[in-house]
Amino acid sequence: MKVYTYSQARQRLAEVLDIARKEEVVITRRGGDAFAVTYRRLPASPFDVPGIKTNATTRDILKAVKDSRSRTP
């Protein structure tokens, strides 16, 4: 765990954030308050899927969607 004063952290913010990727960083203020900086990975979106190569045109896709919606169960 690395400890920085508020002034040190402000002057070296990029360094503090890089270190926080690997370990906890604590920033202390003159009044004695202490704050922990930790790295948080955001979850991936469920819509973030890899693309595929296809020869389908926009017209083909729209026709397929229209056909699928017009079918009766």
N, C-alpha and C. Protein backbone atom coordinates (compact mmCIF):
# COMPACT_ATOMS: atom_id res chain seq x y z
N MET A 1 0.85 -1.16 0.00
CA MET A 1 0.00 0.00 0.00
C MET A 1 0.90 1.24 0.00
N LYS A 2 0.60 2.15 -0.90
CA LYS A 2 1.35 3.41 -0.99
C LYS A 2 0.53 4.50 -0.32
N VAL A 3 1.22 5.42 0.34
CA VAL A 3 0.57 6.54 1.01
C VAL A 3 1.14 7.84 0.46
N TYR A 4 0.24 8.74 0.06
CA TYR A 4 0.63 10.05 -0.45
C TYR A 4 -0.10 11.11 0.33
N THR A 5 0.54 12.27 0.46
CA THR A 5 -0.20 13.42 0.98
C THR A 5 -1.05 13.95 -0.16
N TYR A 6 -2.00 14.80 0.19
CA TYR A 6 -2.87 15.38 -0.83
C TYR A 6 -2.04 16.12 -1.89
N SER A 7 -1.07 16.89 -1.46
CA SER A 7 -0.25 17.66 -2.40
C SER A 7 0.56 16.75 -3.31
N GLN A 8 1.15 15.70 -2.75
CA GLN A 8 1.91 14.75 -3.57
C GLN A 8 1.00 14.07 -4.59
N ALA A 9 -0.17 13.64 -4.15
CA ALA A 9 -1.11 12.96 -5.05
C ALA A 9 -1.55 13.89 -6.18
N ARG A 10 -1.78 15.13 -5.85
CA ARG A 10 -2.21 16.11 -6.86
C ARG A 10 -1.11 16.32 -7.90
N GLN A 11 0.13 16.41 -7.46
CA GLN A 11 1.25 16.63 -8.37
C GLN A 11 1.56 15.41 -9.22
N ARG A 12 1.27 14.22 -8.70
CA ARG A 12 1.61 12.96 -9.39
C ARG A 12 0.38 12.11 -9.67
N LEU A 13 -0.71 12.74 -10.06
CA LEU A 13 -1.98 12.02 -10.20
C LEU A 13 -1.87 10.83 -11.15
N ALA A 14 -1.23 11.00 -12.30
CA ALA A 14 -1.10 9.89 -13.26
C ALA A 14 -0.37 8.71 -12.62
N GLU A 15 0.69 8.99 -11.89
CA GLU A 15 1.46 7.95 -11.21
C GLU A 15 0.61 7.25 -10.15
N VAL A 16 -0.14 8.03 -9.38
CA VAL A 16 -1.01 7.48 -8.34
C VAL A 16 -2.04 6.53 -8.95
N LEU A 17 -2.64 6.95 -10.07
CA LEU A 17 -3.65 6.10 -10.70
C LEU A 17 -3.03 4.83 -11.28
N ASP A 18 -1.83 4.93 -11.83
CA ASP A 18 -1.15 3.73 -12.35
C ASP A 18 -0.85 2.74 -11.22
N ILE A 19 -0.40 3.25 -10.10
CA ILE A 19 -0.11 2.38 -8.95
C ILE A 19 -1.39 1.76 -8.41
N ALA A 20 -2.49 2.54 -8.42
CA ALA A 20 -3.77 2.04 -7.90
C ALA A 20 -4.29 0.87 -8.72
N ARG A 21 -3.82 0.69 -9.96
CA ARG A 21 -4.22 -0.49 -10.74
C ARG A 21 -3.70 -1.77 -10.10
N LYS A 22 -2.58 -1.67 -9.37
CA LYS A 22 -1.93 -2.86 -8.81
C LYS A 22 -2.15 -3.02 -7.31
N GLU A 23 -2.26 -1.89 -6.61
CA GLU A 23 -2.40 -1.96 -5.16
C GLU A 23 -3.17 -0.74 -4.66
N GLU A 24 -3.60 -0.82 -3.42
CA GLU A 24 -4.35 0.28 -2.84
C GLU A 24 -3.43 1.48 -2.59
N VAL A 25 -3.96 2.66 -2.84
CA VAL A 25 -3.24 3.91 -2.58
C VAL A 25 -4.07 4.71 -1.58
N VAL A 26 -3.40 5.26 -0.58
CA VAL A 26 -4.07 6.07 0.43
C VAL A 26 -3.58 7.51 0.29
N ILE A 27 -4.52 8.43 0.28
CA ILE A 27 -4.20 9.85 0.22
C ILE A 27 -4.65 10.47 1.53
N THR A 28 -3.72 11.13 2.20
CA THR A 28 -4.03 11.74 3.50
C THR A 28 -4.09 13.26 3.36
N ARG A 29 -4.97 13.85 4.15
CA ARG A 29 -5.09 15.31 4.18
C ARG A 29 -4.52 15.83 5.50
N ARG A 30 -4.28 17.10 5.53
CA ARG A 30 -3.66 17.73 6.69
C ARG A 30 -4.46 17.50 7.97
N GLY A 31 -5.76 17.46 7.89
CA GLY A 31 -6.60 17.27 9.07
C GLY A 31 -6.63 15.84 9.58
N GLY A 32 -5.96 14.93 8.88
CA GLY A 32 -5.92 13.54 9.31
C GLY A 32 -6.87 12.62 8.55
N ASP A 33 -7.71 13.18 7.68
CA ASP A 33 -8.59 12.34 6.87
C ASP A 33 -7.76 11.51 5.90
N ALA A 34 -8.19 10.29 5.68
CA ALA A 34 -7.49 9.40 4.75
C ALA A 34 -8.50 8.84 3.76
N PHE A 35 -8.10 8.77 2.50
CA PHE A 35 -8.96 8.28 1.44
C PHE A 35 -8.24 7.19 0.67
N ALA A 36 -8.94 6.10 0.38
CA ALA A 36 -8.35 4.99 -0.36
C ALA A 36 -8.71 5.11 -1.84
N VAL A 37 -7.72 4.89 -2.69
CA VAL A 37 -7.93 4.89 -4.13
C VAL A 37 -7.68 3.46 -4.60
N THR A 38 -8.70 2.87 -5.21
CA THR A 38 -8.55 1.52 -5.73
C THR A 38 -9.04 1.48 -7.17
N TYR A 39 -8.50 0.55 -7.91
CA TYR A 39 -8.88 0.38 -9.32
C TYR A 39 -10.17 -0.41 -9.40
N ARG A 40 -11.09 0.07 -10.22
CA ARG A 40 -12.37 -0.63 -10.39
C ARG A 40 -12.59 -0.85 -11.88
N ARG A 41 -12.64 -2.10 -12.26
CA ARG A 41 -12.89 -2.45 -13.64
C ARG A 41 -14.40 -2.45 -13.87
N LEU A 42 -14.84 -1.70 -14.87
CA LEU A 42 -16.26 -1.66 -15.17
C LEU A 42 -16.67 -2.91 -15.93
N PRO A 43 -17.84 -3.46 -15.62
CA PRO A 43 -18.28 -4.66 -16.33
C PRO A 43 -18.53 -4.34 -17.81
N ALA A 44 -18.28 -5.32 -18.64
CA ALA A 44 -18.50 -5.15 -20.07
C ALA A 44 -20.00 -5.11 -20.37
N SER A 45 -20.35 -4.40 -21.38
CA SER A 45 -21.74 -4.31 -21.79
C SER A 45 -22.17 -5.62 -22.43
N PRO A 46 -23.40 -6.08 -22.18
CA PRO A 46 -23.87 -7.30 -22.85
C PRO A 46 -24.03 -7.09 -24.36
N PHE A 47 -24.03 -5.84 -24.79
CA PHE A 47 -24.15 -5.55 -26.22
C PHE A 47 -22.79 -5.45 -26.90
N ASP A 48 -21.72 -5.57 -26.13
CA ASP A 48 -20.37 -5.50 -26.68
C ASP A 48 -19.97 -6.90 -27.16
N VAL A 49 -20.41 -7.24 -28.35
CA VAL A 49 -20.14 -8.56 -28.92
C VAL A 49 -19.29 -8.40 -30.17
N PRO A 50 -18.48 -9.39 -30.47
CA PRO A 50 -17.65 -9.29 -31.67
C PRO A 50 -18.51 -9.35 -32.93
N GLY A 51 -18.09 -8.62 -33.93
CA GLY A 51 -18.81 -8.62 -35.20
C GLY A 51 -18.51 -9.86 -36.02
N ILE A 52 -19.29 -10.08 -37.05
CA ILE A 52 -19.07 -11.21 -37.94
C ILE A 52 -19.03 -10.70 -39.38
N LYS A 53 -18.35 -11.42 -40.23
CA LYS A 53 -18.30 -11.09 -41.65
C LYS A 53 -19.43 -11.84 -42.35
N THR A 54 -20.15 -11.15 -43.21
CA THR A 54 -21.25 -11.77 -43.94
C THR A 54 -21.43 -11.06 -45.28
N ASN A 55 -22.03 -11.74 -46.20
CA ASN A 55 -22.33 -11.14 -47.50
C ASN A 55 -23.75 -10.59 -47.55
N ALA A 56 -24.46 -10.65 -46.43
CA ALA A 56 -25.84 -10.16 -46.38
C ALA A 56 -25.85 -8.64 -46.53
N THR A 57 -26.80 -8.16 -47.30
CA THR A 57 -26.95 -6.72 -47.47
C THR A 57 -27.99 -6.21 -46.48
N THR A 58 -28.09 -4.92 -46.36
CA THR A 58 -29.10 -4.33 -45.49
C THR A 58 -30.49 -4.78 -45.93
N ARG A 59 -30.70 -4.83 -47.22
CA ARG A 59 -32.00 -5.27 -47.76
C ARG A 59 -32.29 -6.72 -47.32
N ASP A 60 -31.29 -7.61 -47.38
CA ASP A 60 -31.47 -9.01 -46.95
C ASP A 60 -31.86 -9.08 -45.48
N ILE A 61 -31.20 -8.29 -44.65
CA ILE A 61 -31.46 -8.32 -43.22
C ILE A 61 -32.85 -7.79 -42.92
N LEU A 62 -33.21 -6.68 -43.54
CA LEU A 62 -34.55 -6.12 -43.32
C LEU A 62 -35.64 -7.07 -43.79
N LYS A 63 -35.42 -7.76 -44.90
CA LYS A 63 -36.39 -8.74 -45.40
C LYS A 63 -36.53 -9.89 -44.41
N ALA A 64 -35.42 -10.36 -43.87
CA ALA A 64 -35.46 -11.46 -42.90
C ALA A 64 -36.23 -11.04 -41.64
N VAL A 65 -36.01 -9.82 -41.17
CA VAL A 65 -36.72 -9.34 -39.99
C VAL A 65 -38.22 -9.23 -40.30
N LYS A 66 -38.54 -8.67 -41.44
CA LYS A 66 -39.96 -8.53 -41.83
C LYS A 66 -40.63 -9.90 -41.94
N ASP A 67 -39.95 -10.84 -42.58
CA ASP A 67 -40.49 -12.21 -42.73
C ASP A 67 -40.71 -12.86 -41.36
N SER A 68 -39.76 -12.70 -40.45
CA SER A 68 -39.89 -13.34 -39.14
C SER A 68 -41.03 -12.74 -38.33
N ARG A 69 -41.33 -11.47 -38.53
CA ARG A 69 -42.41 -10.82 -37.80
C ARG A 69 -43.77 -11.11 -38.40
N SER A 70 -43.82 -11.51 -39.64
CA SER A 70 -45.11 -11.75 -40.29
C SER A 70 -45.59 -13.18 -40.12
N ARG A 71 -44.76 -14.06 -39.63
CA ARG A 71 -45.15 -15.47 -39.44
C ARG A 71 -46.13 -15.60 -38.29
N THR A 72 -47.09 -16.47 -38.46
CA THR A 72 -48.03 -16.75 -37.37
C THR A 72 -47.56 -17.99 -36.63
N PRO A 73 -47.64 -17.97 -35.33
CA PRO A 73 -47.15 -19.12 -34.54
C PRO A 73 -47.98 -20.37 -34.69
